[in-house]
Protein backbone atom coordinates (compact mmCIF):
# COMPACT_ATOMS: atom_id res chain seq x y z
CA MET A 1 -7.23 -23.23 -52.95
CA ALA A 2 -6.27 -26.39 -55.36
CA LEU A 3 -3.87 -28.94 -54.12
CA MET A 4 -0.63 -30.03 -55.62
CA ILE A 5 1.77 -33.02 -55.94
CA THR A 6 5.85 -32.28 -56.55
CA ASP A 7 7.64 -34.20 -57.65
CA GLU A 8 8.78 -35.59 -54.37
CA CYS A 9 5.83 -37.55 -54.42
CA ILE A 10 7.07 -41.68 -54.21
CA ASN A 11 3.62 -42.95 -55.58
CA CYS A 12 3.22 -44.83 -52.41
CA ASP A 13 -1.20 -44.67 -53.60
CA VAL A 14 -2.43 -43.38 -50.27
CA CYS A 15 -3.84 -39.84 -51.28
CA GLU A 16 -6.00 -41.13 -53.94
CA PRO A 17 -8.89 -43.33 -52.12
CA GLU A 18 -8.82 -40.92 -49.92
CA CYS A 19 -10.15 -38.17 -52.36
CA PRO A 20 -13.69 -37.46 -51.74
CA ASN A 21 -14.11 -35.43 -55.23
CA GLN A 22 -11.98 -37.66 -57.37
CA ALA A 23 -9.28 -35.32 -57.99
CA ILE A 24 -6.33 -37.17 -57.50
CA TYR A 25 -4.97 -39.50 -60.48
CA LEU A 26 -2.14 -41.56 -61.67
CA GLY A 27 -0.08 -38.93 -64.24
CA VAL A 28 2.32 -40.27 -66.22
CA GLU A 29 5.28 -39.73 -63.67
CA ILE A 30 3.71 -39.02 -60.00
CA TYR A 31 0.01 -38.91 -58.99
CA GLU A 32 -1.28 -34.89 -59.53
CA ILE A 33 -4.74 -33.16 -58.58
CA ASP A 34 -7.29 -32.19 -61.37
CA PRO A 35 -8.06 -28.46 -60.02
CA SER A 36 -11.16 -28.19 -61.32
CA ARG A 37 -12.48 -31.05 -58.95
CA CYS A 38 -10.33 -29.63 -55.67
CA THR A 39 -12.34 -28.39 -52.84
CA GLU A 40 -8.95 -28.74 -50.00
CA CYS A 41 -11.87 -31.35 -48.75
CA VAL A 42 -14.23 -28.45 -47.83
CA GLY A 43 -17.74 -29.57 -47.54
CA HIS A 44 -16.38 -32.76 -46.78
CA PHE A 45 -14.09 -32.41 -43.94
CA GLU A 46 -12.12 -30.06 -41.74
CA GLU A 47 -8.91 -30.94 -43.58
CA PRO A 48 -7.01 -32.08 -46.67
CA GLN A 49 -6.95 -36.10 -46.11
CA CYS A 50 -4.02 -36.64 -48.62
CA VAL A 51 -2.25 -34.27 -46.79
CA GLN A 52 -3.02 -36.00 -43.74
CA VAL A 53 -2.05 -39.33 -45.25
CA CYS A 54 0.97 -37.92 -47.46
CA PRO A 55 4.51 -39.81 -45.91
CA VAL A 56 6.10 -37.47 -47.67
CA ALA A 57 4.64 -33.64 -47.31
CA CYS A 58 4.65 -33.22 -51.00
CA ILE A 59 1.12 -31.75 -50.97
CA PRO A 60 1.16 -27.89 -50.69
CA ILE A 61 -1.23 -25.10 -52.02
CA HIS A 62 -1.04 -25.35 -55.63
CA PRO A 63 0.02 -21.30 -56.27
CA GLU A 64 -1.41 -21.01 -60.04
CA HIS A 65 -5.18 -22.02 -58.32
CA VAL A 66 -5.42 -20.42 -54.91
CA GLU A 67 -9.32 -19.90 -54.30
CA SER A 68 -11.07 -18.39 -51.53
CA ARG A 69 -12.75 -21.23 -48.92
CA GLU A 70 -16.32 -19.80 -50.39
CA THR A 71 -15.53 -20.40 -53.88
CA LEU A 72 -13.94 -23.75 -52.29
CA TRP A 73 -17.63 -24.41 -50.98
CA GLN A 74 -19.29 -23.51 -54.56
CA LYS A 75 -17.38 -25.68 -56.05
CA TYR A 76 -18.05 -28.54 -53.77
CA GLN A 77 -21.84 -27.97 -54.53
CA ARG A 78 -21.29 -28.32 -57.75
CA LEU A 79 -19.05 -31.36 -57.71
CA THR A 80 -22.09 -33.35 -55.25
CA ALA A 81 -25.11 -31.49 -57.94
CA GLN A 82 -22.85 -33.39 -61.25
CA ALA A 83 -22.32 -36.28 -59.14
CA ARG A 84 -26.48 -36.93 -58.17
CA ASP A 85 -27.23 -35.75 -61.53
CA ASP A 86 -25.23 -38.16 -63.17
CA ALA A 87 -25.98 -40.93 -60.39
CA PRO A 88 -28.24 -43.35 -62.21
CA ALA A 89 -31.87 -43.62 -61.03
CA ALA A 90 -33.43 -45.82 -57.71
CA GLY A 91 -34.86 -48.90 -59.24
CA GLY A 92 -34.56 -48.87 -62.89
């Protein structure tokens, strides 16, 4: 289940730096979440960090992107493997 940010967002900037998958970005009017990168923090934390820090509680589960915990885990593994492959080689 990817999360989404609703139009109640006040652009307070606290959610974006908390996302370990870099799924949150500033959209045209409010922050948005890329569902292909959102794992609800599975693999990183017990609870979604953006939800924890949001002062207006505007980050529910995205109804169009419902995923099982296993699917979120697989997405986490894919994203971390991709990050390793994209990282510059040590010492060079």
